[in-house]
Amino acid sequence: MAIRDIFVPLAPAINFDAQLDVAARLAQALNAHVSVVFTREVMMSSASVPEMLIAAGVVVEAIEHETKLAETSAITQFEQWRSANGLTGADQDRTRAHADAIWHERIGSIADTIAGVGKVSDLIIIGKPDPYQNLTDEIFKAAIYSTGCPTVIVPDRLTDDPLAHVLIAWNGSVEAARAVAGAMPMLETAKRVSIFTVPENPKTLYHHIGLIEHLEHHGIHAE
């Protein structure tokens, strides 16, 4: 199956430069559509604000103001990113194969957004979980466990073309097979594909050799 619909989930207070960078490169290489979905939580009422925050002088209006500023900044960053990468707005003619991107906003749980949109996407692009930001772990778990959609996890900074050299970590498992199947459109576009494996017995060695033959049938010459 071709990758035509890429989903990039965003949330306030999370750096998403690398996510957008990878999304642009993959969209251009695969002629795909990018759906950037920014999700913020429902505004808190005064009754739900913790007493500690009230004691510190934090009010609902201030929290709402900061959230709106973050959203406005994210929209501006998205527009600059789309323009810099030559991506158009979404074209209603889905039969045309070209890269485009569109912005969406949602209010609610980021996990619910990912679970819903991820199930009807071809690929999800998220940032690497940060141990100091619980929300990034929530995003990771929702993408991996609640969607069934192939997911690309990107580092904080991208130093090379994500399709310059793709490495497959292969152990013959069902999980590895699903990863290869989900990534097949990217493997077909990659300039170089390598397989890393540690054969432990003749049976697993056969599976490793079989993977090379399987990729050959897709026109992929793996090392």
N, C-alpha and C. Protein backbone atom coordinates (compact mmCIF):
# COMPACT_ATOMS: atom_id res chain seq x y z
N MET A 1 0.83 -1.19 0.00
CA MET A 1 0.00 0.00 0.00
C MET A 1 0.87 1.25 0.00
N ALA A 2 0.52 2.21 -0.82
CA ALA A 2 1.28 3.46 -0.88
C ALA A 2 0.99 4.31 0.35
N ILE A 3 1.97 5.13 0.73
CA ILE A 3 1.78 6.08 1.82
C ILE A 3 1.33 7.40 1.20
N ARG A 4 0.07 7.75 1.44
CA ARG A 4 -0.51 8.96 0.86
C ARG A 4 -1.01 9.93 1.93
N ASP A 5 -1.16 9.45 3.17
CA ASP A 5 -1.76 10.27 4.23
C ASP A 5 -0.88 10.20 5.48
N ILE A 6 -0.10 11.26 5.72
CA ILE A 6 0.82 11.31 6.86
C ILE A 6 0.20 12.17 7.97
N PHE A 7 0.21 11.66 9.17
CA PHE A 7 -0.39 12.33 10.33
C PHE A 7 0.70 12.79 11.29
N VAL A 8 0.70 14.10 11.61
CA VAL A 8 1.67 14.66 12.55
C VAL A 8 0.91 15.26 13.72
N PRO A 9 0.87 14.58 14.89
CA PRO A 9 0.17 15.12 16.05
C PRO A 9 1.05 16.11 16.82
N LEU A 10 0.49 17.28 17.16
CA LEU A 10 1.22 18.30 17.90
C LEU A 10 0.44 18.69 19.16
N ALA A 11 1.16 19.24 20.12
CA ALA A 11 0.54 19.69 21.36
C ALA A 11 1.34 20.86 21.91
N PRO A 12 0.73 21.69 22.76
CA PRO A 12 1.45 22.83 23.33
C PRO A 12 2.68 22.39 24.12
N ALA A 13 3.69 23.25 24.17
CA ALA A 13 4.89 23.06 24.99
C ALA A 13 5.78 21.91 24.51
N ILE A 14 5.58 21.46 23.28
CA ILE A 14 6.43 20.40 22.74
C ILE A 14 7.10 20.91 21.47
N ASN A 15 8.41 20.76 21.39
CA ASN A 15 9.16 21.17 20.20
C ASN A 15 8.89 20.18 19.08
N PHE A 16 8.36 20.67 17.97
CA PHE A 16 8.01 19.76 16.87
C PHE A 16 8.76 20.07 15.57
N ASP A 17 9.87 20.79 15.65
CA ASP A 17 10.65 21.11 14.45
C ASP A 17 11.04 19.86 13.68
N ALA A 18 11.57 18.86 14.39
CA ALA A 18 12.05 17.65 13.73
C ALA A 18 10.90 16.87 13.09
N GLN A 19 9.74 16.84 13.76
CA GLN A 19 8.59 16.16 13.19
C GLN A 19 8.20 16.76 11.84
N LEU A 20 8.12 18.08 11.80
CA LEU A 20 7.74 18.74 10.55
C LEU A 20 8.82 18.56 9.49
N ASP A 21 10.08 18.56 9.89
CA ASP A 21 11.18 18.37 8.95
C ASP A 21 11.06 17.01 8.26
N VAL A 22 10.86 15.97 9.05
CA VAL A 22 10.72 14.63 8.48
C VAL A 22 9.45 14.52 7.65
N ALA A 23 8.37 15.13 8.12
CA ALA A 23 7.10 15.08 7.38
C ALA A 23 7.25 15.70 6.00
N ALA A 24 7.95 16.83 5.92
CA ALA A 24 8.15 17.49 4.63
C ALA A 24 8.96 16.62 3.68
N ARG A 25 10.03 16.04 4.19
CA ARG A 25 10.90 15.22 3.33
C ARG A 25 10.19 13.97 2.82
N LEU A 26 9.43 13.33 3.71
CA LEU A 26 8.71 12.13 3.29
C LEU A 26 7.55 12.48 2.36
N ALA A 27 6.86 13.57 2.63
CA ALA A 27 5.75 13.97 1.77
C ALA A 27 6.24 14.26 0.36
N GLN A 28 7.36 14.94 0.25
CA GLN A 28 7.91 15.26 -1.07
C GLN A 28 8.40 14.02 -1.79
N ALA A 29 9.01 13.09 -1.04
CA ALA A 29 9.53 11.87 -1.66
C ALA A 29 8.41 10.92 -2.08
N LEU A 30 7.31 10.92 -1.32
CA LEU A 30 6.22 9.97 -1.56
C LEU A 30 4.98 10.61 -2.17
N ASN A 31 5.04 11.93 -2.46
CA ASN A 31 3.87 12.65 -2.97
C ASN A 31 2.66 12.45 -2.07
N ALA A 32 2.87 12.71 -0.79
CA ALA A 32 1.84 12.43 0.21
C ALA A 32 1.21 13.70 0.77
N HIS A 33 0.05 13.52 1.39
CA HIS A 33 -0.64 14.60 2.10
C HIS A 33 -0.24 14.55 3.56
N VAL A 34 -0.03 15.71 4.17
CA VAL A 34 0.33 15.79 5.59
C VAL A 34 -0.80 16.46 6.36
N SER A 35 -1.32 15.77 7.36
CA SER A 35 -2.33 16.33 8.26
C SER A 35 -1.64 16.66 9.58
N VAL A 36 -1.48 17.95 9.84
CA VAL A 36 -0.90 18.40 11.11
C VAL A 36 -2.04 18.74 12.05
N VAL A 37 -2.13 18.01 13.16
CA VAL A 37 -3.26 18.18 14.08
C VAL A 37 -2.74 18.66 15.43
N PHE A 38 -3.10 19.88 15.79
CA PHE A 38 -2.70 20.48 17.06
C PHE A 38 -3.84 20.30 18.06
N THR A 39 -3.54 19.63 19.18
CA THR A 39 -4.57 19.33 20.18
C THR A 39 -4.23 20.02 21.50
N ARG A 40 -5.18 20.74 22.02
CA ARG A 40 -5.01 21.35 23.34
C ARG A 40 -6.15 20.89 24.23
N GLU A 41 -5.88 20.83 25.51
CA GLU A 41 -6.87 20.36 26.46
C GLU A 41 -7.99 21.39 26.66
N VAL A 42 -9.11 20.91 27.17
CA VAL A 42 -10.24 21.80 27.46
C VAL A 42 -9.80 22.80 28.52
N MET A 43 -10.19 24.06 28.34
CA MET A 43 -9.85 25.10 29.30
C MET A 43 -10.40 24.74 30.69
N MET A 44 -9.59 24.98 31.70
CA MET A 44 -9.99 24.63 33.06
C MET A 44 -10.94 25.67 33.64
N SER A 45 -11.84 25.22 34.45
CA SER A 45 -12.69 26.14 35.21
C SER A 45 -11.97 26.47 36.51
N SER A 46 -12.42 27.51 37.17
CA SER A 46 -11.76 27.90 38.42
C SER A 46 -11.85 26.80 39.47
N ALA A 47 -12.91 25.99 39.40
CA ALA A 47 -13.08 24.92 40.38
C ALA A 47 -12.08 23.80 40.19
N SER A 48 -11.54 23.68 38.96
CA SER A 48 -10.62 22.59 38.68
C SER A 48 -9.16 22.98 38.82
N VAL A 49 -8.88 24.26 39.06
CA VAL A 49 -7.51 24.71 39.22
C VAL A 49 -7.00 24.28 40.59
N PRO A 50 -5.88 23.57 40.64
CA PRO A 50 -5.35 23.11 41.95
C PRO A 50 -5.15 24.28 42.91
N GLU A 51 -5.36 24.01 44.20
CA GLU A 51 -5.21 25.04 45.21
C GLU A 51 -3.80 25.62 45.23
N MET A 52 -2.80 24.78 44.94
CA MET A 52 -1.42 25.26 44.94
C MET A 52 -1.23 26.34 43.89
N LEU A 53 -1.88 26.17 42.71
CA LEU A 53 -1.75 27.16 41.66
C LEU A 53 -2.48 28.45 42.05
N ILE A 54 -3.64 28.31 42.67
CA ILE A 54 -4.38 29.48 43.10
C ILE A 54 -3.56 30.27 44.13
N ALA A 55 -2.93 29.53 45.05
CA ALA A 55 -2.12 30.17 46.08
C ALA A 55 -0.94 30.91 45.47
N ALA A 56 -0.45 30.38 44.33
CA ALA A 56 0.70 31.00 43.68
C ALA A 56 0.28 32.18 42.80
N GLY A 57 -1.01 32.45 42.74
CA GLY A 57 -1.49 33.60 41.98
C GLY A 57 -1.78 33.29 40.52
N VAL A 58 -1.82 32.01 40.15
CA VAL A 58 -2.12 31.64 38.76
C VAL A 58 -3.63 31.58 38.58
N VAL A 59 -4.15 32.27 37.61
CA VAL A 59 -5.59 32.30 37.38
C VAL A 59 -5.92 31.64 36.05
N VAL A 60 -7.19 31.28 35.91
CA VAL A 60 -7.63 30.59 34.70
C VAL A 60 -7.36 31.44 33.46
N GLU A 61 -7.59 32.75 33.55
CA GLU A 61 -7.39 33.62 32.40
C GLU A 61 -5.93 33.59 31.93
N ALA A 62 -5.01 33.54 32.88
CA ALA A 62 -3.59 33.51 32.53
C ALA A 62 -3.22 32.21 31.83
N ILE A 63 -3.77 31.11 32.33
CA ILE A 63 -3.51 29.80 31.71
C ILE A 63 -4.07 29.77 30.30
N GLU A 64 -5.29 30.28 30.15
CA GLU A 64 -5.93 30.30 28.83
C GLU A 64 -5.14 31.19 27.87
N HIS A 65 -4.65 32.31 28.35
CA HIS A 65 -3.87 33.23 27.51
C HIS A 65 -2.59 32.56 27.02
N GLU A 66 -1.89 31.88 27.91
CA GLU A 66 -0.65 31.21 27.53
C GLU A 66 -0.92 30.10 26.52
N THR A 67 -2.02 29.39 26.69
CA THR A 67 -2.36 28.31 25.76
C THR A 67 -2.66 28.86 24.37
N LYS A 68 -3.39 29.98 24.31
CA LYS A 68 -3.71 30.58 23.02
C LYS A 68 -2.46 31.12 22.33
N LEU A 69 -1.53 31.66 23.13
CA LEU A 69 -0.27 32.14 22.55
C LEU A 69 0.50 30.98 21.94
N ALA A 70 0.53 29.85 22.64
CA ALA A 70 1.24 28.68 22.13
C ALA A 70 0.61 28.18 20.83
N GLU A 71 -0.71 28.21 20.78
CA GLU A 71 -1.43 27.77 19.58
C GLU A 71 -1.15 28.71 18.40
N THR A 72 -1.17 30.01 18.64
CA THR A 72 -0.90 30.99 17.59
C THR A 72 0.52 30.84 17.07
N SER A 73 1.47 30.64 17.98
CA SER A 73 2.86 30.44 17.59
C SER A 73 3.02 29.19 16.74
N ALA A 74 2.31 28.13 17.12
CA ALA A 74 2.38 26.87 16.38
C ALA A 74 1.83 27.03 14.97
N ILE A 75 0.72 27.76 14.84
CA ILE A 75 0.13 28.00 13.52
C ILE A 75 1.12 28.77 12.63
N THR A 76 1.73 29.80 13.21
CA THR A 76 2.71 30.59 12.46
C THR A 76 3.87 29.73 12.00
N GLN A 77 4.36 28.88 12.91
CA GLN A 77 5.47 27.99 12.57
C GLN A 77 5.07 27.03 11.45
N PHE A 78 3.84 26.52 11.52
CA PHE A 78 3.35 25.62 10.48
C PHE A 78 3.31 26.32 9.12
N GLU A 79 2.77 27.53 9.08
CA GLU A 79 2.67 28.26 7.81
C GLU A 79 4.05 28.54 7.23
N GLN A 80 5.00 28.90 8.07
CA GLN A 80 6.37 29.15 7.61
C GLN A 80 7.00 27.87 7.09
N TRP A 81 6.75 26.76 7.78
CA TRP A 81 7.28 25.47 7.36
C TRP A 81 6.70 25.05 6.02
N ARG A 82 5.39 25.21 5.87
CA ARG A 82 4.73 24.81 4.62
C ARG A 82 5.25 25.63 3.44
N SER A 83 5.40 26.93 3.66
CA SER A 83 5.91 27.80 2.60
C SER A 83 7.35 27.49 2.25
N ALA A 84 8.19 27.28 3.28
CA ALA A 84 9.62 27.01 3.05
C ALA A 84 9.85 25.72 2.29
N ASN A 85 8.94 24.75 2.45
CA ASN A 85 9.11 23.46 1.80
C ASN A 85 8.28 23.32 0.52
N GLY A 86 7.65 24.41 0.10
CA GLY A 86 6.91 24.38 -1.16
C GLY A 86 5.69 23.48 -1.14
N LEU A 87 5.09 23.30 0.05
CA LEU A 87 3.90 22.46 0.15
C LEU A 87 2.66 23.33 -0.02
N THR A 88 1.72 22.87 -0.78
CA THR A 88 0.48 23.61 -1.00
C THR A 88 -0.53 23.27 0.08
N GLY A 89 -1.65 23.99 0.10
CA GLY A 89 -2.75 23.62 0.97
C GLY A 89 -3.39 22.36 0.41
N ALA A 90 -4.26 21.76 1.18
CA ALA A 90 -4.87 20.50 0.74
C ALA A 90 -5.68 20.70 -0.54
N ASP A 91 -5.46 19.83 -1.50
CA ASP A 91 -6.20 19.86 -2.77
C ASP A 91 -7.38 18.92 -2.64
N GLN A 92 -8.55 19.37 -3.03
CA GLN A 92 -9.75 18.54 -2.94
C GLN A 92 -9.71 17.36 -3.91
N ASP A 93 -8.89 17.47 -4.96
CA ASP A 93 -8.78 16.39 -5.93
C ASP A 93 -7.76 15.38 -5.42
N ARG A 94 -8.23 14.36 -4.71
CA ARG A 94 -7.34 13.37 -4.12
C ARG A 94 -6.71 12.43 -5.14
N THR A 95 -7.16 12.51 -6.41
CA THR A 95 -6.58 11.63 -7.42
C THR A 95 -5.22 12.13 -7.88
N ARG A 96 -4.90 13.40 -7.56
CA ARG A 96 -3.61 13.96 -7.96
C ARG A 96 -2.56 13.61 -6.92
N ALA A 97 -1.41 13.12 -7.40
CA ALA A 97 -0.33 12.71 -6.51
C ALA A 97 0.67 13.85 -6.37
N HIS A 98 0.56 14.61 -5.30
CA HIS A 98 1.54 15.65 -5.02
C HIS A 98 1.52 15.95 -3.53
N ALA A 99 2.60 16.55 -3.05
CA ALA A 99 2.73 16.81 -1.61
C ALA A 99 1.95 18.06 -1.21
N ASP A 100 1.15 17.94 -0.18
CA ASP A 100 0.46 19.10 0.37
C ASP A 100 0.33 18.92 1.88
N ALA A 101 -0.12 19.96 2.56
CA ALA A 101 -0.24 19.91 4.02
C ALA A 101 -1.36 20.82 4.48
N ILE A 102 -2.04 20.42 5.54
CA ILE A 102 -3.13 21.21 6.08
C ILE A 102 -3.09 21.16 7.61
N TRP A 103 -3.55 22.26 8.22
CA TRP A 103 -3.56 22.41 9.68
C TRP A 103 -4.94 22.12 10.24
N HIS A 104 -4.99 21.36 11.34
CA HIS A 104 -6.24 21.09 12.04
C HIS A 104 -6.05 21.42 13.52
N GLU A 105 -7.13 21.81 14.17
CA GLU A 105 -7.10 22.06 15.62
C GLU A 105 -8.17 21.23 16.30
N ARG A 106 -7.80 20.68 17.45
CA ARG A 106 -8.76 19.91 18.24
C ARG A 106 -8.62 20.28 19.71
N ILE A 107 -9.72 20.14 20.44
CA ILE A 107 -9.71 20.37 21.88
C ILE A 107 -10.07 19.06 22.56
N GLY A 108 -9.22 18.63 23.50
CA GLY A 108 -9.47 17.38 24.20
C GLY A 108 -8.18 16.67 24.54
N SER A 109 -8.25 15.37 24.61
CA SER A 109 -7.10 14.56 24.96
C SER A 109 -6.25 14.27 23.72
N ILE A 110 -4.93 14.46 23.82
CA ILE A 110 -4.03 14.16 22.71
C ILE A 110 -4.06 12.66 22.39
N ALA A 111 -4.21 11.83 23.41
CA ALA A 111 -4.28 10.38 23.20
C ALA A 111 -5.51 10.01 22.38
N ASP A 112 -6.64 10.66 22.67
CA ASP A 112 -7.87 10.40 21.91
C ASP A 112 -7.72 10.86 20.47
N THR A 113 -7.07 12.01 20.28
CA THR A 113 -6.85 12.51 18.92
C THR A 113 -6.01 11.54 18.12
N ILE A 114 -4.93 11.07 18.71
CA ILE A 114 -4.03 10.14 18.01
C ILE A 114 -4.74 8.83 17.71
N ALA A 115 -5.48 8.32 18.68
CA ALA A 115 -6.18 7.05 18.47
C ALA A 115 -7.19 7.16 17.33
N GLY A 116 -7.88 8.31 17.27
CA GLY A 116 -8.89 8.48 16.22
C GLY A 116 -8.31 8.74 14.86
N VAL A 117 -7.41 9.72 14.75
CA VAL A 117 -6.84 10.09 13.45
C VAL A 117 -5.85 9.03 12.98
N GLY A 118 -5.11 8.43 13.91
CA GLY A 118 -4.11 7.44 13.53
C GLY A 118 -4.68 6.22 12.85
N LYS A 119 -5.90 5.85 13.21
CA LYS A 119 -6.52 4.66 12.61
C LYS A 119 -6.88 4.87 11.14
N VAL A 120 -6.97 6.13 10.72
CA VAL A 120 -7.31 6.40 9.32
C VAL A 120 -6.17 7.16 8.64
N SER A 121 -4.95 6.83 9.02
CA SER A 121 -3.75 7.41 8.41
C SER A 121 -2.84 6.29 7.92
N ASP A 122 -1.91 6.64 7.03
CA ASP A 122 -0.96 5.65 6.53
C ASP A 122 0.33 5.64 7.33
N LEU A 123 0.63 6.77 7.97
CA LEU A 123 1.89 6.90 8.71
C LEU A 123 1.74 8.00 9.76
N ILE A 124 2.30 7.76 10.95
CA ILE A 124 2.30 8.76 12.01
C ILE A 124 3.74 9.18 12.27
N ILE A 125 3.96 10.47 12.46
CA ILE A 125 5.31 10.96 12.78
C ILE A 125 5.26 11.65 14.13
N ILE A 126 6.01 11.11 15.09
CA ILE A 126 6.05 11.69 16.44
C ILE A 126 7.50 11.93 16.85
N GLY A 127 7.67 12.74 17.89
CA GLY A 127 9.00 12.99 18.41
C GLY A 127 9.42 11.90 19.38
N LYS A 128 10.71 11.84 19.64
CA LYS A 128 11.23 10.87 20.61
C LYS A 128 10.73 11.22 22.01
N PRO A 129 10.25 10.25 22.78
CA PRO A 129 9.77 10.54 24.14
C PRO A 129 10.84 11.20 24.99
N ASP A 130 10.43 12.21 25.72
CA ASP A 130 11.32 12.96 26.61
C ASP A 130 10.99 12.59 28.05
N PRO A 131 11.95 12.06 28.82
CA PRO A 131 11.66 11.64 30.20
C PRO A 131 11.21 12.79 31.10
N TYR A 132 11.46 14.04 30.66
CA TYR A 132 11.07 15.20 31.45
C TYR A 132 9.73 15.79 31.02
N GLN A 133 9.11 15.19 30.00
CA GLN A 133 7.80 15.65 29.54
C GLN A 133 6.86 14.45 29.43
N ASN A 134 5.96 14.32 30.39
CA ASN A 134 5.05 13.18 30.42
C ASN A 134 4.17 13.10 29.17
N LEU A 135 3.86 14.26 28.60
CA LEU A 135 2.98 14.28 27.44
C LEU A 135 3.60 13.54 26.25
N THR A 136 4.92 13.61 26.11
CA THR A 136 5.57 12.92 24.99
C THR A 136 5.44 11.41 25.13
N ASP A 137 5.46 10.91 26.35
CA ASP A 137 5.28 9.48 26.57
C ASP A 137 3.85 9.07 26.27
N GLU A 138 2.91 9.95 26.60
CA GLU A 138 1.50 9.69 26.30
C GLU A 138 1.28 9.62 24.79
N ILE A 139 1.94 10.51 24.06
CA ILE A 139 1.85 10.51 22.59
C ILE A 139 2.42 9.23 22.01
N PHE A 140 3.59 8.84 22.52
CA PHE A 140 4.24 7.61 22.06
C PHE A 140 3.34 6.39 22.27
N LYS A 141 2.81 6.24 23.46
CA LYS A 141 1.98 5.07 23.77
C LYS A 141 0.71 5.05 22.93
N ALA A 142 0.11 6.22 22.72
CA ALA A 142 -1.12 6.27 21.92
C ALA A 142 -0.84 5.87 20.47
N ALA A 143 0.27 6.35 19.91
CA ALA A 143 0.59 6.03 18.52
C ALA A 143 0.92 4.55 18.34
N ILE A 144 1.68 3.99 19.27
CA ILE A 144 2.12 2.61 19.14
C ILE A 144 1.03 1.60 19.48
N TYR A 145 0.28 1.87 20.54
CA TYR A 145 -0.65 0.86 21.06
C TYR A 145 -2.12 1.08 20.70
N SER A 146 -2.48 2.27 20.20
CA SER A 146 -3.91 2.55 20.00
C SER A 146 -4.30 2.79 18.55
N THR A 147 -3.37 2.62 17.60
CA THR A 147 -3.71 2.95 16.21
C THR A 147 -3.53 1.80 15.22
N GLY A 148 -2.53 0.96 15.42
CA GLY A 148 -2.22 -0.06 14.41
C GLY A 148 -1.58 0.53 13.18
N CYS A 149 -1.14 1.79 13.28
CA CYS A 149 -0.56 2.50 12.13
C CYS A 149 0.96 2.54 12.26
N PRO A 150 1.70 2.34 11.16
CA PRO A 150 3.16 2.49 11.22
C PRO A 150 3.53 3.87 11.76
N THR A 151 4.53 3.91 12.63
CA THR A 151 4.90 5.16 13.29
C THR A 151 6.40 5.42 13.16
N VAL A 152 6.73 6.63 12.75
CA VAL A 152 8.13 7.06 12.68
C VAL A 152 8.41 7.92 13.91
N ILE A 153 9.44 7.54 14.67
CA ILE A 153 9.84 8.30 15.85
C ILE A 153 11.13 9.03 15.50
N VAL A 154 11.10 10.35 15.55
CA VAL A 154 12.25 11.14 15.08
C VAL A 154 13.04 11.69 16.27
N PRO A 155 14.35 11.87 16.10
CA PRO A 155 15.18 12.46 17.14
C PRO A 155 14.92 13.96 17.24
N ASP A 156 15.59 14.61 18.19
CA ASP A 156 15.39 16.05 18.38
C ASP A 156 15.85 16.85 17.17
N ARG A 157 16.86 16.34 16.49
CA ARG A 157 17.39 17.06 15.34
C ARG A 157 17.75 16.07 14.24
N LEU A 158 17.37 16.38 13.01
CA LEU A 158 17.66 15.50 11.88
C LEU A 158 18.89 16.01 11.16
N THR A 159 19.87 15.13 10.96
CA THR A 159 21.12 15.54 10.33
C THR A 159 21.25 15.06 8.89
N ASP A 160 20.34 14.22 8.43
CA ASP A 160 20.46 13.66 7.08
C ASP A 160 19.08 13.38 6.52
N ASP A 161 19.04 13.09 5.23
CA ASP A 161 17.81 12.71 4.57
C ASP A 161 17.33 11.39 5.18
N PRO A 162 16.09 11.32 5.70
CA PRO A 162 15.62 10.09 6.34
C PRO A 162 15.56 8.90 5.39
N LEU A 163 15.60 9.15 4.09
CA LEU A 163 15.56 8.05 3.12
C LEU A 163 16.92 7.82 2.44
N ALA A 164 17.97 8.45 2.96
CA ALA A 164 19.31 8.25 2.39
C ALA A 164 19.79 6.83 2.65
N HIS A 165 19.58 6.35 3.87
CA HIS A 165 20.02 5.00 4.23
C HIS A 165 19.09 4.47 5.30
N VAL A 166 18.30 3.45 4.97
CA VAL A 166 17.36 2.86 5.91
C VAL A 166 17.91 1.54 6.42
N LEU A 167 17.94 1.38 7.73
CA LEU A 167 18.44 0.16 8.35
C LEU A 167 17.28 -0.62 8.94
N ILE A 168 17.17 -1.88 8.56
CA ILE A 168 16.13 -2.77 9.09
C ILE A 168 16.75 -3.62 10.19
N ALA A 169 16.19 -3.51 11.41
CA ALA A 169 16.60 -4.39 12.51
C ALA A 169 15.70 -5.62 12.45
N TRP A 170 16.27 -6.75 12.07
CA TRP A 170 15.44 -7.92 11.74
C TRP A 170 15.77 -9.12 12.63
N ASN A 171 14.73 -9.72 13.21
CA ASN A 171 14.92 -10.94 14.00
C ASN A 171 13.92 -12.02 13.62
N GLY A 172 13.22 -11.80 12.50
CA GLY A 172 12.28 -12.81 12.04
C GLY A 172 10.96 -12.83 12.78
N SER A 173 10.71 -11.86 13.66
CA SER A 173 9.49 -11.86 14.46
C SER A 173 8.31 -11.25 13.69
N VAL A 174 7.12 -11.45 14.23
CA VAL A 174 5.92 -10.86 13.63
C VAL A 174 6.02 -9.34 13.66
N GLU A 175 6.53 -8.79 14.78
CA GLU A 175 6.66 -7.35 14.91
C GLU A 175 7.60 -6.78 13.85
N ALA A 176 8.71 -7.47 13.61
CA ALA A 176 9.67 -7.00 12.60
C ALA A 176 9.05 -7.09 11.20
N ALA A 177 8.29 -8.16 10.95
CA ALA A 177 7.65 -8.32 9.64
C ALA A 177 6.63 -7.20 9.40
N ARG A 178 5.87 -6.84 10.44
CA ARG A 178 4.88 -5.77 10.30
C ARG A 178 5.57 -4.43 10.06
N ALA A 179 6.72 -4.23 10.71
CA ALA A 179 7.46 -2.99 10.51
C ALA A 179 7.95 -2.87 9.07
N VAL A 180 8.46 -3.96 8.53
CA VAL A 180 8.94 -3.95 7.14
C VAL A 180 7.78 -3.70 6.18
N ALA A 181 6.64 -4.36 6.42
CA ALA A 181 5.48 -4.17 5.55
C ALA A 181 4.99 -2.72 5.59
N GLY A 182 4.94 -2.14 6.79
CA GLY A 182 4.48 -0.78 6.92
C GLY A 182 5.42 0.23 6.29
N ALA A 183 6.71 -0.12 6.28
CA ALA A 183 7.72 0.81 5.75
C ALA A 183 8.04 0.56 4.27
N MET A 184 7.38 -0.41 3.65
CA MET A 184 7.72 -0.79 2.29
C MET A 184 7.77 0.39 1.30
N PRO A 185 6.79 1.31 1.31
CA PRO A 185 6.87 2.45 0.38
C PRO A 185 8.13 3.29 0.60
N MET A 186 8.57 3.42 1.86
CA MET A 186 9.79 4.18 2.13
C MET A 186 11.03 3.39 1.73
N LEU A 187 10.99 2.08 1.92
CA LEU A 187 12.12 1.24 1.51
C LEU A 187 12.30 1.27 0.00
N GLU A 188 11.19 1.31 -0.72
CA GLU A 188 11.26 1.37 -2.18
C GLU A 188 11.82 2.69 -2.68
N THR A 189 11.70 3.74 -1.87
CA THR A 189 12.18 5.07 -2.25
C THR A 189 13.59 5.34 -1.75
N ALA A 190 14.01 4.60 -0.73
CA ALA A 190 15.31 4.84 -0.09
C ALA A 190 16.47 4.64 -1.07
N LYS A 191 17.51 5.44 -0.89
CA LYS A 191 18.69 5.31 -1.73
C LYS A 191 19.50 4.06 -1.39
N ARG A 192 19.44 3.65 -0.12
CA ARG A 192 20.20 2.49 0.33
C ARG A 192 19.45 1.81 1.46
N VAL A 193 19.41 0.47 1.43
CA VAL A 193 18.74 -0.30 2.48
C VAL A 193 19.68 -1.37 3.00
N SER A 194 19.82 -1.44 4.31
CA SER A 194 20.67 -2.45 4.95
C SER A 194 19.84 -3.24 5.96
N ILE A 195 20.25 -4.48 6.19
CA ILE A 195 19.59 -5.34 7.17
C ILE A 195 20.60 -5.69 8.26
N PHE A 196 20.23 -5.43 9.50
CA PHE A 196 21.07 -5.82 10.63
C PHE A 196 20.39 -6.98 11.33
N THR A 197 21.12 -8.09 11.51
CA THR A 197 20.52 -9.25 12.14
C THR A 197 21.62 -10.09 12.79
N VAL A 198 21.22 -10.89 13.75
CA VAL A 198 22.15 -11.80 14.43
C VAL A 198 21.54 -13.20 14.36
N PRO A 199 21.88 -13.99 13.34
CA PRO A 199 21.31 -15.34 13.22
C PRO A 199 21.83 -16.24 14.34
N GLU A 200 20.88 -16.91 15.00
CA GLU A 200 21.25 -17.76 16.12
C GLU A 200 21.16 -19.25 15.80
N ASN A 201 20.39 -19.60 14.77
CA ASN A 201 20.28 -21.00 14.38
C ASN A 201 19.88 -21.07 12.91
N PRO A 202 19.99 -22.23 12.29
CA PRO A 202 19.67 -22.35 10.85
C PRO A 202 18.27 -21.86 10.49
N LYS A 203 17.30 -22.05 11.40
CA LYS A 203 15.93 -21.63 11.10
C LYS A 203 15.85 -20.11 10.96
N THR A 204 16.43 -19.38 11.89
CA THR A 204 16.37 -17.92 11.80
C THR A 204 17.22 -17.42 10.65
N LEU A 205 18.31 -18.13 10.35
CA LEU A 205 19.14 -17.72 9.22
C LEU A 205 18.34 -17.79 7.93
N TYR A 206 17.50 -18.81 7.79
CA TYR A 206 16.67 -18.93 6.59
C TYR A 206 15.72 -17.74 6.47
N HIS A 207 15.15 -17.32 7.60
CA HIS A 207 14.24 -16.17 7.57
C HIS A 207 14.98 -14.91 7.14
N HIS A 208 16.23 -14.76 7.57
CA HIS A 208 17.00 -13.57 7.21
C HIS A 208 17.28 -13.54 5.71
N ILE A 209 17.65 -14.69 5.17
CA ILE A 209 17.89 -14.78 3.73
C ILE A 209 16.58 -14.53 2.97
N GLY A 210 15.49 -15.05 3.51
CA GLY A 210 14.19 -14.85 2.88
C GLY A 210 13.79 -13.39 2.81
N LEU A 211 14.20 -12.60 3.78
CA LEU A 211 13.88 -11.18 3.76
C LEU A 211 14.56 -10.49 2.58
N ILE A 212 15.80 -10.84 2.32
CA ILE A 212 16.52 -10.26 1.18
C ILE A 212 15.78 -10.58 -0.12
N GLU A 213 15.35 -11.83 -0.26
CA GLU A 213 14.62 -12.23 -1.47
C GLU A 213 13.28 -11.50 -1.56
N HIS A 214 12.60 -11.35 -0.41
CA HIS A 214 11.31 -10.66 -0.38
C HIS A 214 11.48 -9.22 -0.86
N LEU A 215 12.51 -8.54 -0.38
CA LEU A 215 12.75 -7.16 -0.78
C LEU A 215 13.12 -7.07 -2.26
N GLU A 216 13.83 -8.07 -2.76
CA GLU A 216 14.20 -8.09 -4.19
C GLU A 216 12.95 -8.08 -5.06
N HIS A 217 11.91 -8.78 -4.62
CA HIS A 217 10.66 -8.81 -5.40
C HIS A 217 10.00 -7.44 -5.48
N HIS A 218 10.38 -6.56 -4.55
CA HIS A 218 9.87 -5.19 -4.57
C HIS A 218 10.85 -4.22 -5.20
N GLY A 219 11.89 -4.78 -5.84
CA GLY A 219 12.89 -3.94 -6.49
C GLY A 219 13.86 -3.28 -5.53
N ILE A 220 13.97 -3.83 -4.32
CA ILE A 220 14.86 -3.27 -3.29
C ILE A 220 16.08 -4.16 -3.15
N HIS A 221 17.25 -3.61 -3.37
CA HIS A 221 18.50 -4.37 -3.26
C HIS A 221 19.13 -4.06 -1.92
N ALA A 222 18.86 -4.93 -0.94
CA ALA A 222 19.33 -4.69 0.42
C ALA A 222 20.68 -5.34 0.67
N GLU A 223 21.45 -4.72 1.54
CA GLU A 223 22.74 -5.27 1.96
C GLU A 223 22.55 -6.02 3.27
